[in-house]
């Protein structure tokens, strides 16, 4: 059967966002690459792998991929990096919110993009 008129497949960024959202509530584990537990860069790598894009494993290495994005110009799918030196990453899902694998207490959760330590952001797709 053909796709309905006007239908188009989701963008890679949207696939990554949807994949990251599907992980909310899962456990945090240092070095976790999914599918049952994640650390921060394991989550973003997993989300973009679902969209057909391979990212480096470490958050600091992910921070040099793609195109720099000003905080005011964030779009769903952008990776948001924290601390100096960079040691944490989340994926922007819109409305001032990221999904990230915070720590062992929080697991994968939604939080504000304005959490302490904002450093930079990159557009991957």
PDB file of N, CA and C in Angstrom:
ATOM      1  N   UNK A   1       0.842  -1.180   0.000  1.00  0.00           N
ATOM      2  CA  UNK A   1       0.000   0.000   0.000  1.00  0.00           C
ATOM      3  C   UNK A   1       0.889   1.246   0.000  1.00  0.00           C
ATOM      4  N   UNK A   2       0.519   2.257  -0.734  1.00  0.00           N
ATOM      5  CA  UNK A   2       1.276   3.502  -0.813  1.00  0.00           C
ATOM      6  C   UNK A   2       1.031   4.360   0.421  1.00  0.00           C
ATOM      7  N   UNK A   3       2.009   5.242   0.684  1.00  0.00           N
ATOM      8  CA  UNK A   3       1.860   6.190   1.787  1.00  0.00           C
ATOM      9  C   UNK A   3       0.765   7.193   1.426  1.00  0.00           C
ATOM     10  N   UNK A   4       0.075   7.729   2.418  1.00  0.00           N
ATOM     11  CA  UNK A   4      -0.953   8.735   2.148  1.00  0.00           C
ATOM     12  C   UNK A   4      -0.352   9.975   1.500  1.00  0.00           C
ATOM     13  N   UNK A   5      -1.146  10.673   0.707  1.00  0.00           N
ATOM     14  CA  UNK A   5      -0.689  11.907   0.071  1.00  0.00           C
ATOM     15  C   UNK A   5      -0.228  12.889   1.140  1.00  0.00           C
ATOM     16  N   UNK A   6       0.901  13.528   0.896  1.00  0.00           N
ATOM     17  CA  UNK A   6       1.418  14.519   1.825  1.00  0.00           C
ATOM     18  C   UNK A   6       2.261  13.937   2.952  1.00  0.00           C
ATOM     19  N   UNK A   7       2.342  12.605   3.036  1.00  0.00           N
ATOM     20  CA  UNK A   7       3.128  11.977   4.101  1.00  0.00           C
ATOM     21  C   UNK A   7       4.597  12.042   3.740  1.00  0.00           C
ATOM     22  N   UNK A   8       5.427  12.304   4.718  1.00  0.00           N
ATOM     23  CA  UNK A   8       6.875  12.210   4.526  1.00  0.00           C
ATOM     24  C   UNK A   8       7.471  11.546   5.761  1.00  0.00           C
ATOM     25  N   UNK A   9       8.554  10.820   5.578  1.00  0.00           N
ATOM     26  CA  UNK A   9       9.158  10.149   6.733  1.00  0.00           C
ATOM     27  C   UNK A   9       9.697  11.180   7.723  1.00  0.00           C
ATOM     28  N   UNK A  10       9.771  10.824   9.007  1.00  0.00           N
ATOM     29  CA  UNK A  10      10.314  11.766   9.982  1.00  0.00           C
ATOM     30  C   UNK A  10      11.792  12.042   9.717  1.00  0.00           C
ATOM     31  N   UNK A  11      12.225  13.237  10.076  1.00  0.00           N
ATOM     32  CA  UNK A  11      13.629  13.600   9.919  1.00  0.00           C
ATOM     33  C   UNK A  11      14.478  12.791  10.895  1.00  0.00           C
ATOM     34  N   UNK A  12      15.775  12.750  10.637  1.00  0.00           N
ATOM     35  CA  UNK A  12      16.689  12.065  11.549  1.00  0.00           C
ATOM     36  C   UNK A  12      16.603  12.679  12.941  1.00  0.00           C
ATOM     37  N   UNK A  13      16.511  14.007  13.021  1.00  0.00           N
ATOM     38  CA  UNK A  13      16.407  14.659  14.328  1.00  0.00           C
ATOM     39  C   UNK A  13      15.147  14.202  15.061  1.00  0.00           C
ATOM     40  N   UNK A  14      14.031  14.083  14.349  1.00  0.00           N
ATOM     41  CA  UNK A  14      12.788  13.660  14.999  1.00  0.00           C
ATOM     42  C   UNK A  14      12.865  12.208  15.449  1.00  0.00           C
ATOM     43  N   UNK A  15      13.495  11.359  14.650  1.00  0.00           N
ATOM     44  CA  UNK A  15      13.681   9.958  15.058  1.00  0.00           C
ATOM     45  C   UNK A  15      14.518   9.911  16.339  1.00  0.00           C
ATOM     46  N   UNK A  16      15.587  10.715  16.401  1.00  0.00           N
ATOM     47  CA  UNK A  16      16.433  10.744  17.594  1.00  0.00           C
ATOM     48  C   UNK A  16      15.643  11.227  18.811  1.00  0.00           C
ATOM     49  N   UNK A  17      14.852  12.277  18.640  1.00  0.00           N
ATOM     50  CA  UNK A  17      14.026  12.799  19.735  1.00  0.00           C
ATOM     51  C   UNK A  17      13.041  11.737  20.208  1.00  0.00           C
ATOM     52  N   UNK A  18      12.340  11.114  19.279  1.00  0.00           N
ATOM     53  CA  UNK A  18      11.354  10.098  19.648  1.00  0.00           C
ATOM     54  C   UNK A  18      12.016   8.922  20.361  1.00  0.00           C
ATOM     55  N   UNK A  19      13.194   8.526  19.887  1.00  0.00           N
ATOM     56  CA  UNK A  19      13.919   7.419  20.509  1.00  0.00           C
ATOM     57  C   UNK A  19      14.350   7.795  21.920  1.00  0.00           C
ATOM     58  N   UNK A  20      14.875   9.001  22.097  1.00  0.00           N
ATOM     59  CA  UNK A  20      15.290   9.452  23.435  1.00  0.00           C
ATOM     60  C   UNK A  20      14.091   9.507  24.373  1.00  0.00           C
ATOM     61  N   UNK A  21      12.966  10.035  23.901  1.00  0.00           N
ATOM     62  CA  UNK A  21      11.754  10.099  24.735  1.00  0.00           C
ATOM     63  C   UNK A  21      11.312   8.702  25.178  1.00  0.00           C
ATOM     64  N   UNK A  22      11.466   7.737  24.298  1.00  0.00           N
ATOM     65  CA  UNK A  22      11.058   6.362  24.624  1.00  0.00           C
ATOM     66  C   UNK A  22      11.911   5.748  25.734  1.00  0.00           C
ATOM     67  N   UNK A  23      13.055   6.357  26.031  1.00  0.00           N
ATOM     68  CA  UNK A  23      13.949   5.808  27.066  1.00  0.00           C
ATOM     69  C   UNK A  23      13.687   6.414  28.447  1.00  0.00           C
ATOM     70  N   UNK A  24      12.852   7.460  28.534  1.00  0.00           N
ATOM     71  CA  UNK A  24      12.573   8.107  29.817  1.00  0.00           C
ATOM     72  C   UNK A  24      12.052   7.065  30.806  1.00  0.00           C
ATOM     73  N   UNK A  25      12.627   7.089  32.003  1.00  0.00           N
ATOM     74  CA  UNK A  25      12.263   6.136  33.043  1.00  0.00           C
ATOM     75  C   UNK A  25      13.219   4.967  33.164  1.00  0.00           C
ATOM     76  N   UNK A  26      14.106   4.813  32.177  1.00  0.00           N
ATOM     77  CA  UNK A  26      15.094   3.725  32.249  1.00  0.00           C
ATOM     78  C   UNK A  26      16.234   4.117  33.180  1.00  0.00           C
ATOM     79  N   UNK A  27      17.001   3.134  33.587  1.00  0.00           N
ATOM     80  CA  UNK A  27      18.052   3.324  34.578  1.00  0.00           C
ATOM     81  C   UNK A  27      19.277   4.017  33.992  1.00  0.00           C
ATOM     82  N   UNK A  28      20.010   4.706  34.880  1.00  0.00           N
ATOM     83  CA  UNK A  28      21.322   5.250  34.570  1.00  0.00           C
ATOM     84  C   UNK A  28      22.367   4.200  34.927  1.00  0.00           C
ATOM     85  N   UNK A  29      23.342   4.026  34.056  1.00  0.00           N
ATOM     86  CA  UNK A  29      24.505   3.198  34.374  1.00  0.00           C
ATOM     87  C   UNK A  29      25.703   3.804  33.669  1.00  0.00           C
ATOM     88  N   UNK A  30      26.783   4.066  34.416  1.00  0.00           N
ATOM     89  CA  UNK A  30      27.989   4.602  33.809  1.00  0.00           C
ATOM     90  C   UNK A  30      28.446   3.645  32.715  1.00  0.00           C
ATOM     91  N   UNK A  31      28.665   4.177  31.513  1.00  0.00           N
ATOM     92  CA  UNK A  31      29.054   3.348  30.375  1.00  0.00           C
ATOM     93  C   UNK A  31      27.883   2.669  29.701  1.00  0.00           C
ATOM     94  N   UNK A  32      26.657   2.939  30.159  1.00  0.00           N
ATOM     95  CA  UNK A  32      25.467   2.288  29.605  1.00  0.00           C
ATOM     96  C   UNK A  32      25.149   2.760  28.206  1.00  0.00           C
ATOM     97  N   UNK A  33      25.007   1.795  27.304  1.00  0.00           N
ATOM     98  CA  UNK A  33      24.699   2.083  25.904  1.00  0.00           C
ATOM     99  C   UNK A  33      23.295   1.670  25.508  1.00  0.00           C
ATOM    100  N   UNK A  34      22.476   1.216  26.481  1.00  0.00           N
ATOM    101  CA  UNK A  34      21.122   0.777  26.184  1.00  0.00           C
ATOM    102  C   UNK A  34      21.095  -0.675  25.787  1.00  0.00           C
ATOM    103  N   UNK A  35      19.970  -1.254  25.593  1.00  0.00           N
ATOM    104  CA  UNK A  35      18.674  -0.582  25.644  1.00  0.00           C
ATOM    105  C   UNK A  35      18.064  -0.496  27.041  1.00  0.00           C
ATOM    106  N   UNK A  36      18.671  -1.109  28.060  1.00  0.00           N
ATOM    107  CA  UNK A  36      18.052  -1.127  29.388  1.00  0.00           C
ATOM    108  C   UNK A  36      18.557  -0.029  30.316  1.00  0.00           C
ATOM    109  N   UNK A  37      19.774   0.449  30.105  1.00  0.00           N
ATOM    110  CA  UNK A  37      20.331   1.518  30.927  1.00  0.00           C
ATOM    111  C   UNK A  37      21.296   2.335  30.083  1.00  0.00           C
ATOM    112  N   UNK A  38      21.483   3.581  30.515  1.00  0.00           N
ATOM    113  CA  UNK A  38      22.264   4.531  29.727  1.00  0.00           C
ATOM    114  C   UNK A  38      23.071   5.441  30.630  1.00  0.00           C
ATOM    115  N   UNK A  39      24.203   5.943  30.108  1.00  0.00           N
ATOM    116  CA  UNK A  39      24.776   7.162  30.638  1.00  0.00           C
ATOM    117  C   UNK A  39      24.452   8.250  29.616  1.00  0.00           C
ATOM    118  N   UNK A  40      24.878   9.486  29.872  1.00  0.00           N
ATOM    119  CA  UNK A  40      24.411  10.594  29.037  1.00  0.00           C
ATOM    120  C   UNK A  40      24.765  10.425  27.564  1.00  0.00           C
ATOM    121  N   UNK A  41      26.023  10.146  27.270  1.00  0.00           N
ATOM    122  CA  UNK A  41      26.425  10.037  25.867  1.00  0.00           C
ATOM    123  C   UNK A  41      25.990   8.707  25.258  1.00  0.00           C
ATOM    124  N   UNK A  42      25.788   7.705  26.088  1.00  0.00           N
ATOM    125  CA  UNK A  42      25.220   6.452  25.596  1.00  0.00           C
ATOM    126  C   UNK A  42      23.801   6.667  25.090  1.00  0.00           C
ATOM    127  N   UNK A  43      23.044   7.513  25.788  1.00  0.00           N
ATOM    128  CA  UNK A  43      21.667   7.825  25.374  1.00  0.00           C
ATOM    129  C   UNK A  43      21.649   8.579  24.055  1.00  0.00           C
ATOM    130  N   UNK A  44      22.478   9.609  23.922  1.00  0.00           N
ATOM    131  CA  UNK A  44      22.457  10.387  22.682  1.00  0.00           C
ATOM    132  C   UNK A  44      22.971   9.560  21.506  1.00  0.00           C
ATOM    133  N   UNK A  45      23.984   8.737  21.746  1.00  0.00           N
ATOM    134  CA  UNK A  45      24.470   7.837  20.688  1.00  0.00           C
ATOM    135  C   UNK A  45      23.383   6.868  20.252  1.00  0.00           C
ATOM    136  N   UNK A  46      22.687   6.295  21.224  1.00  0.00           N
ATOM    137  CA  UNK A  46      21.602   5.336  20.953  1.00  0.00           C
ATOM    138  C   UNK A  46      20.486   6.003  20.148  1.00  0.00           C
ATOM    139  N   UNK A  47      20.111   7.221  20.553  1.00  0.00           N
ATOM    140  CA  UNK A  47      19.025   7.930  19.884  1.00  0.00           C
ATOM    141  C   UNK A  47      19.380   8.236  18.429  1.00  0.00           C
ATOM    142  N   UNK A  48      20.589   8.713  18.193  1.00  0.00           N
ATOM    143  CA  UNK A  48      20.975   9.039  16.819  1.00  0.00           C
ATOM    144  C   UNK A  48      21.283   7.799  15.994  1.00  0.00           C
ATOM    145  N   UNK A  49      21.733   6.721  16.628  1.00  0.00           N
ATOM    146  CA  UNK A  49      21.939   5.468  15.890  1.00  0.00           C
ATOM    147  C   UNK A  49      20.612   4.981  15.317  1.00  0.00           C
ATOM    148  N   UNK A  50      19.517   5.160  16.058  1.00  0.00           N
ATOM    149  CA  UNK A  50      18.187   4.782  15.566  1.00  0.00           C
ATOM    150  C   UNK A  50      17.814   5.570  14.319  1.00  0.00           C
ATOM    151  N   UNK A  51      18.410   6.756  14.166  1.00  0.00           N
ATOM    152  CA  UNK A  51      18.166   7.610  13.001  1.00  0.00           C
ATOM    153  C   UNK A  51      19.196   7.385  11.901  1.00  0.00           C
ATOM    154  N   UNK A  52      20.103   6.415  12.105  1.00  0.00           N
ATOM    155  CA  UNK A  52      21.098   6.093  11.087  1.00  0.00           C
ATOM    156  C   UNK A  52      22.355   6.941  11.154  1.00  0.00           C
ATOM    157  N   UNK A  53      22.573   7.627  12.275  1.00  0.00           N
ATOM    158  CA  UNK A  53      23.743   8.496  12.430  1.00  0.00           C
ATOM    159  C   UNK A  53      24.578   7.993  13.599  1.00  0.00           C
ATOM    160  N   UNK A  54      25.855   7.725  13.332  1.00  0.00           N
ATOM    161  CA  UNK A  54      26.770   7.280  14.378  1.00  0.00           C
ATOM    162  C   UNK A  54      27.457   8.495  14.999  1.00  0.00           C
ATOM    163  N   UNK A  55      27.447   8.567  16.309  1.00  0.00           N
ATOM    164  CA  UNK A  55      28.131   9.625  17.046  1.00  0.00           C
ATOM    165  C   UNK A  55      29.306   9.035  17.816  1.00  0.00           C
ATOM    166  N   UNK A  56      30.313   9.855  18.108  1.00  0.00           N
ATOM    167  CA  UNK A  56      31.371   9.384  19.007  1.00  0.00           C
ATOM    168  C   UNK A  56      30.760   9.002  20.362  1.00  0.00           C
ATOM    169  N   UNK A  57      31.447   8.199  21.132  1.00  0.00           N
ATOM    170  CA  UNK A  57      30.884   7.696  22.382  1.00  0.00           C
ATOM    171  C   UNK A  57      30.907   8.719  23.516  1.00  0.00           C
ATOM    172  N   UNK A  58      31.940   9.538  23.621  1.00  0.00           N
ATOM    173  CA  UNK A  58      32.084  10.469  24.745  1.00  0.00           C
ATOM    174  C   UNK A  58      31.417  11.817  24.466  1.00  0.00           C
ATOM    175  N   UNK A  59      30.827  12.423  25.502  1.00  0.00           N
ATOM    176  CA  UNK A  59      30.162  13.715  25.334  1.00  0.00           C
ATOM    177  C   UNK A  59      31.120  14.783  24.793  1.00  0.00           C
ATOM    178  N   UNK A  60      32.357  14.815  25.273  1.00  0.00           N
ATOM    179  CA  UNK A  60      33.319  15.813  24.785  1.00  0.00           C
ATOM    180  C   UNK A  60      33.595  15.632  23.300  1.00  0.00           C
ATOM    181  N   UNK A  61      33.588  14.393  22.825  1.00  0.00           N
ATOM    182  CA  UNK A  61      33.805  14.133  21.400  1.00  0.00           C
ATOM    183  C   UNK A  61      32.555  14.454  20.583  1.00  0.00           C
ATOM    184  N   UNK A  62      31.379  14.221  21.159  1.00  0.00           N
ATOM    185  CA  UNK A  62      30.143  14.582  20.471  1.00  0.00           C
ATOM    186  C   UNK A  62      30.034  16.093  20.291  1.00  0.00           C
ATOM    187  N   UNK A  63      30.667  16.846  21.183  1.00  0.00           N
ATOM    188  CA  UNK A  63      30.570  18.308  21.163  1.00  0.00           C
ATOM    189  C   UNK A  63      31.317  18.957  20.001  1.00  0.00           C
ATOM    190  N   UNK A  64      32.025  18.165  19.204  1.00  0.00           N
ATOM    191  CA  UNK A  64      32.709  18.734  18.041  1.00  0.00           C
ATOM    192  C   UNK A  64      32.110  18.222  16.732  1.00  0.00           C
ATOM    193  N   UNK A  65      31.003  17.492  16.817  1.00  0.00           N
ATOM    194  CA  UNK A  65      30.306  16.978  15.638  1.00  0.00           C
ATOM    195  C   UNK A  65      29.184  17.955  15.285  1.00  0.00           C
ATOM    196  N   UNK A  66      28.845  18.019  14.021  1.00  0.00           N
ATOM    197  CA  UNK A  66      27.717  18.848  13.610  1.00  0.00           C
ATOM    198  C   UNK A  66      28.067  20.323  13.571  1.00  0.00           C
ATOM    199  N   UNK A  67      27.045  21.146  13.721  1.00  0.00           N
ATOM    200  CA  UNK A  67      27.148  22.594  13.571  1.00  0.00           C
ATOM    201  C   UNK A  67      26.811  23.276  14.890  1.00  0.00           C
ATOM    202  N   UNK A  68      27.588  24.267  15.304  1.00  0.00           N
ATOM    203  CA  UNK A  68      27.248  24.995  16.531  1.00  0.00           C
ATOM    204  C   UNK A  68      25.880  25.675  16.407  1.00  0.00           C
ATOM    205  N   UNK A  69      25.160  25.703  17.523  1.00  0.00           N
ATOM    206  CA  UNK A  69      23.826  26.317  17.561  1.00  0.00           C
ATOM    207  C   UNK A  69      23.763  27.243  18.767  1.00  0.00           C
ATOM    208  N   UNK A  70      23.295  28.460  18.546  1.00  0.00           N
ATOM    209  CA  UNK A  70      23.088  29.384  19.660  1.00  0.00           C
ATOM    210  C   UNK A  70      21.950  28.867  20.543  1.00  0.00           C
ATOM    211  N   UNK A  71      22.058  29.140  21.801  1.00  0.00           N
ATOM    212  CA  UNK A  71      21.029  28.683  22.751  1.00  0.00           C
ATOM    213  C   UNK A  71      19.636  29.138  22.325  1.00  0.00           C
ATOM    214  N   UNK A  72      19.523  30.355  21.826  1.00  0.00           N
ATOM    215  CA  UNK A  72      18.230  30.900  21.409  1.00  0.00           C
ATOM    216  C   UNK A  72      17.670  30.213  20.171  1.00  0.00           C
ATOM    217  N   UNK A  73      18.505  29.473  19.444  1.00  0.00           N
ATOM    218  CA  UNK A  73      18.085  28.840  18.189  1.00  0.00           C
ATOM    219  C   UNK A  73      17.918  27.332  18.290  1.00  0.00           C
ATOM    220  N   UNK A  74      17.867  26.791  19.505  1.00  0.00           N
ATOM    221  CA  UNK A  74      17.740  25.341  19.664  1.00  0.00           C
ATOM    222  C   UNK A  74      16.488  24.807  18.989  1.00  0.00           C
ATOM    223  N   UNK A  75      16.654  23.651  18.348  1.00  0.00           N
ATOM    224  CA  UNK A  75      15.541  22.921  17.725  1.00  0.00           C
ATOM    225  C   UNK A  75      15.573  21.484  18.217  1.00  0.00           C
ATOM    226  N   UNK A  76      14.400  20.820  18.231  1.00  0.00           N
ATOM    227  CA  UNK A  76      14.385  19.420  18.655  1.00  0.00           C
ATOM    228  C   UNK A  76      15.423  18.590  17.899  1.00  0.00           C
ATOM    229  N   UNK A  77      16.175  17.813  18.653  1.00  0.00           N
ATOM    230  CA  UNK A  77      17.231  16.982  18.095  1.00  0.00           C
ATOM    231  C   UNK A  77      18.624  17.532  18.327  1.00  0.00           C
ATOM    232  N   UNK A  78      18.726  18.821  18.666  1.00  0.00           N
ATOM    233  CA  UNK A  78      20.045  19.389  18.946  1.00  0.00           C
ATOM    234  C   UNK A  78      20.611  18.768  20.216  1.00  0.00           C
ATOM    235  N   UNK A  79      21.913  18.561  20.226  1.00  0.00           N
ATOM    236  CA  UNK A  79      22.586  18.068  21.433  1.00  0.00           C
ATOM    237  C   UNK A  79      23.028  19.267  22.257  1.00  0.00           C
ATOM    238  N   UNK A  80      22.788  19.200  23.563  1.00  0.00           N
ATOM    239  CA  UNK A  80      23.100  20.283  24.481  1.00  0.00           C
ATOM    240  C   UNK A  80      24.147  19.770  25.470  1.00  0.00           C
ATOM    241  N   UNK A  81      25.233  20.533  25.616  1.00  0.00           N
ATOM    242  CA  UNK A  81      26.387  20.096  26.400  1.00  0.00           C
ATOM    243  C   UNK A  81      26.558  20.965  27.634  1.00  0.00           C
ATOM    244  N   UNK A  82      27.086  20.337  28.683  1.00  0.00           N
ATOM    245  CA  UNK A  82      27.205  20.985  29.976  1.00  0.00           C
ATOM    246  C   UNK A  82      28.616  20.830  30.545  1.00  0.00           C
ATOM    247  N   UNK A  83      28.988  21.838  31.344  1.00  0.00           N
ATOM    248  CA  UNK A  83      30.205  21.883  32.153  1.00  0.00           C
ATOM    249  C   UNK A  83      31.434  22.245  31.314  1.00  0.00           C
ATOM    250  N   UNK A  84      32.473  22.610  32.018  1.00  0.00           N
ATOM    251  CA  UNK A  84      33.754  22.969  31.412  1.00  0.00           C
ATOM    252  C   UNK A  84      34.851  22.272  32.206  1.00  0.00           C
ATOM    253  N   UNK A  85      35.545  21.302  31.681  1.00  0.00           N
ATOM    254  CA  UNK A  85      35.372  20.781  30.318  1.00  0.00           C
ATOM    255  C   UNK A  85      34.044  20.029  30.175  1.00  0.00           C
ATOM    256  N   UNK A  86      33.602  19.897  28.940  1.00  0.00           N
ATOM    257  CA  UNK A  86      32.332  19.223  28.659  1.00  0.00           C
ATOM    258  C   UNK A  86      32.383  17.796  29.192  1.00  0.00           C
ATOM    259  N   UNK A  87      31.350  17.465  29.983  1.00  0.00           N
ATOM    260  CA  UNK A  87      31.277  16.116  30.542  1.00  0.00           C
ATOM    261  C   UNK A  87      29.850  15.600  30.654  1.00  0.00           C
ATOM    262  N   UNK A  88      28.889  16.312  30.031  1.00  0.00           N
ATOM    263  CA  UNK A  88      27.494  15.866  30.070  1.00  0.00           C
ATOM    264  C   UNK A  88      26.796  16.342  28.810  1.00  0.00           C
ATOM    265  N   UNK A  89      25.833  15.534  28.344  1.00  0.00           N
ATOM    266  CA  UNK A  89      25.076  15.868  27.137  1.00  0.00           C
ATOM    267  C   UNK A  89      23.635  15.399  27.297  1.00  0.00           C
ATOM    268  N   UNK A  90      22.732  16.160  26.703  1.00  0.00           N
ATOM    269  CA  UNK A  90      21.327  15.782  26.605  1.00  0.00           C
ATOM    270  C   UNK A  90      20.850  16.108  25.207  1.00  0.00           C
ATOM    271  N   UNK A  91      19.638  15.673  24.890  1.00  0.00           N
ATOM    272  CA  UNK A  91      19.064  15.963  23.574  1.00  0.00           C
ATOM    273  C   UNK A  91      17.847  16.866  23.768  1.00  0.00           C
ATOM    274  N   UNK A  92      17.869  17.982  23.055  1.00  0.00           N
ATOM    275  CA  UNK A  92      16.783  18.958  23.160  1.00  0.00           C
ATOM    276  C   UNK A  92      15.532  18.397  22.503  1.00  0.00           C
ATOM    277  N   UNK A  93      14.389  18.483  23.218  1.00  0.00           N
ATOM    278  CA  UNK A  93      13.134  17.946  22.673  1.00  0.00           C
ATOM    279  C   UNK A  93      12.098  19.031  22.436  1.00  0.00           C
ATOM    280  N   UNK A  94      12.455  20.292  22.728  1.00  0.00           N
ATOM    281  CA  UNK A  94      11.551  21.411  22.492  1.00  0.00           C
ATOM    282  C   UNK A  94      11.030  22.013  23.782  1.00  0.00           C
ATOM    283  N   UNK A  95      10.495  23.229  23.680  1.00  0.00           N
ATOM    284  CA  UNK A  95       9.870  23.927  24.809  1.00  0.00           C
ATOM    285  C   UNK A  95      10.786  24.058  26.024  1.00  0.00           C
ATOM    286  N   UNK A  96      12.092  24.236  25.792  1.00  0.00           N
ATOM    287  CA  UNK A  96      13.024  24.429  26.883  1.00  0.00           C
ATOM    288  C   UNK A  96      13.358  23.175  27.670  1.00  0.00           C
ATOM    289  N   UNK A  97      13.150  22.007  27.058  1.00  0.00           N
ATOM    290  CA  UNK A  97      13.311  20.730  27.756  1.00  0.00           C
ATOM    291  C   UNK A  97      14.313  19.844  27.026  1.00  0.00           C
ATOM    292  N   UNK A  98      15.135  19.124  27.813  1.00  0.00           N
ATOM    293  CA  UNK A  98      16.008  18.090  27.266  1.00  0.00           C
ATOM    294  C   UNK A  98      15.629  16.745  27.880  1.00  0.00           C
ATOM    295  N   UNK A  99      16.023  15.680  27.198  1.00  0.00           N
ATOM    296  CA  UNK A  99      16.043  14.338  27.777  1.00  0.00           C
ATOM    297  C   UNK A  99      17.507  14.015  28.000  1.00  0.00           C
ATOM    298  N   UNK A 100      17.832  13.523  29.200  1.00  0.00           N
ATOM    299  CA  UNK A 100      19.213  13.155  29.498  1.00  0.00           C
ATOM    300  C   UNK A 100      19.223  12.020  30.506  1.00  0.00           C
ATOM    301  N   UNK A 101      20.342  11.319  30.537  1.00  0.00           N
ATOM    302  CA  UNK A 101      20.572  10.310  31.570  1.00  0.00           C
ATOM    303  C   UNK A 101      21.353  11.021  32.665  1.00  0.00           C
ATOM    304  N   UNK A 102      20.642  11.436  33.696  1.00  0.00           N
ATOM    305  CA  UNK A 102      21.226  12.297  34.712  1.00  0.00           C
ATOM    306  C   UNK A 102      22.219  11.600  35.617  1.00  0.00           C
ATOM    307  N   UNK A 103      21.737  10.693  36.427  1.00  0.00           N
ATOM    308  CA  UNK A 103      22.589   9.980  37.374  1.00  0.00           C
ATOM    309  C   UNK A 103      21.826   8.752  37.876  1.00  0.00           C
ATOM    310  N   UNK A 104      22.424   8.031  38.808  1.00  0.00           N
ATOM    311  CA  UNK A 104      21.795   6.805  39.299  1.00  0.00           C
ATOM    312  C   UNK A 104      20.475   7.072  40.012  1.00  0.00           C
ATOM    313  N   UNK A 105      20.305   8.260  40.588  1.00  0.00           N
ATOM    314  CA  UNK A 105      19.060   8.591  41.288  1.00  0.00           C
ATOM    315  C   UNK A 105      17.930   8.939  40.329  1.00  0.00           C
ATOM    316  N   UNK A 106      18.264   9.626  39.230  1.00  0.00           N
ATOM    317  CA  UNK A 106      17.218  10.112  38.319  1.00  0.00           C
ATOM    318  C   UNK A 106      16.971   9.181  37.142  1.00  0.00           C
ATOM    319  N   UNK A 107      17.991   8.476  36.682  1.00  0.00           N
ATOM    320  CA  UNK A 107      17.862   7.705  35.451  1.00  0.00           C
ATOM    321  C   UNK A 107      17.660   8.635  34.270  1.00  0.00           C
ATOM    322  N   UNK A 108      17.024   8.119  33.232  1.00  0.00           N
ATOM    323  CA  UNK A 108      16.735   8.930  32.050  1.00  0.00           C
ATOM    324  C   UNK A 108      15.477   9.735  32.352  1.00  0.00           C
ATOM    325  N   UNK A 109      15.593  11.052  32.188  1.00  0.00           N
ATOM    326  CA  UNK A 109      14.496  11.928  32.579  1.00  0.00           C
ATOM    327  C   UNK A 109      14.434  13.168  31.692  1.00  0.00           C
ATOM    328  N   UNK A 110      13.312  13.869  31.808  1.00  0.00           N
ATOM    329  CA  UNK A 110      13.165  15.204  31.238  1.00  0.00           C
ATOM    330  C   UNK A 110      13.670  16.209  32.259  1.00  0.00           C
ATOM    331  N   UNK A 111      14.329  17.258  31.793  1.00  0.00           N
ATOM    332  CA  UNK A 111      14.711  18.372  32.661  1.00  0.00           C
ATOM    333  C   UNK A 111      14.845  19.625  31.814  1.00  0.00           C
ATOM    334  N   UNK A 112      14.989  20.752  32.472  1.00  0.00           N
ATOM    335  CA  UNK A 112      15.129  22.016  31.757  1.00  0.00           C
ATOM    336  C   UNK A 112      16.489  22.118  31.074  1.00  0.00           C
ATOM    337  N   UNK A 113      16.496  22.728  29.914  1.00  0.00           N
ATOM    338  CA  UNK A 113      17.752  23.009  29.221  1.00  0.00           C
ATOM    339  C   UNK A 113      18.596  23.970  30.056  1.00  0.00           C
ATOM    340  N   UNK A 114      17.961  24.690  30.971  1.00  0.00           N
ATOM    341  CA  UNK A 114      18.640  25.687  31.785  1.00  0.00           C
ATOM    342  C   UNK A 114      19.260  25.120  33.056  1.00  0.00           C
ATOM    343  N   UNK A 115      19.421  23.796  33.123  1.00  0.00           N
ATOM    344  CA  UNK A 115      20.084  23.259  34.312  1.00  0.00           C
ATOM    345  C   UNK A 115      21.500  23.825  34.393  1.00  0.00           C
ATOM    346  N   UNK A 116      22.056  23.817  35.579  1.00  0.00           N
ATOM    347  CA  UNK A 116      23.370  24.430  35.811  1.00  0.00           C
ATOM    348  C   UNK A 116      24.438  23.845  34.890  1.00  0.00           C
ATOM    349  N   UNK A 117      25.335  24.708  34.450  1.00  0.00           N
ATOM    350  CA  UNK A 117      26.501  24.256  33.705  1.00  0.00           C
ATOM    351  C   UNK A 117      26.381  24.286  32.195  1.00  0.00           C
ATOM    352  N   UNK A 118      25.299  24.893  31.651  1.00  0.00           N
ATOM    353  CA  UNK A 118      25.149  24.945  30.189  1.00  0.00           C
ATOM    354  C   UNK A 118      26.439  25.447  29.550  1.00  0.00           C
ATOM    355  N   UNK A 119      26.884  24.747  28.494  1.00  0.00           N
ATOM    356  CA  UNK A 119      28.116  25.129  27.818  1.00  0.00           C
ATOM    357  C   UNK A 119      27.860  25.513  26.367  1.00  0.00           C
ATOM    358  N   UNK A 120      27.307  24.587  25.568  1.00  0.00           N
ATOM    359  CA  UNK A 120      27.143  24.814  24.137  1.00  0.00           C
ATOM    360  C   UNK A 120      26.120  23.825  23.591  1.00  0.00           C
ATOM    361  N   UNK A 121      25.806  23.978  22.303  1.00  0.00           N
ATOM    362  CA  UNK A 121      24.879  23.045  21.638  1.00  0.00           C
ATOM    363  C   UNK A 121      25.347  22.830  20.204  1.00  0.00           C
ATOM    364  N   UNK A 122      24.973  21.671  19.664  1.00  0.00           N
ATOM    365  CA  UNK A 122      25.340  21.320  18.285  1.00  0.00           C
ATOM    366  C   UNK A 122      24.134  20.718  17.586  1.00  0.00           C
ATOM    367  N   UNK A 123      23.978  21.078  16.305  1.00  0.00           N
ATOM    368  CA  UNK A 123      22.942  20.485  15.457  1.00  0.00           C
ATOM    369  C   UNK A 123      23.584  19.343  14.683  1.00  0.00           C
ATOM    370  N   UNK A 124      23.033  18.156  14.836  1.00  0.00           N
ATOM    371  CA  UNK A 124      23.555  16.950  14.216  1.00  0.00           C
ATOM    372  C   UNK A 124      22.864  16.673  12.893  1.00  0.00           C
ATOM    373  N   UNK A 125      21.566  16.844  12.864  1.00  0.00           N
ATOM    374  CA  UNK A 125      20.788  16.554  11.639  1.00  0.00           C
ATOM    375  C   UNK A 125      19.740  17.619  11.417  1.00  0.00           C
TER     376      UNK A 125
END
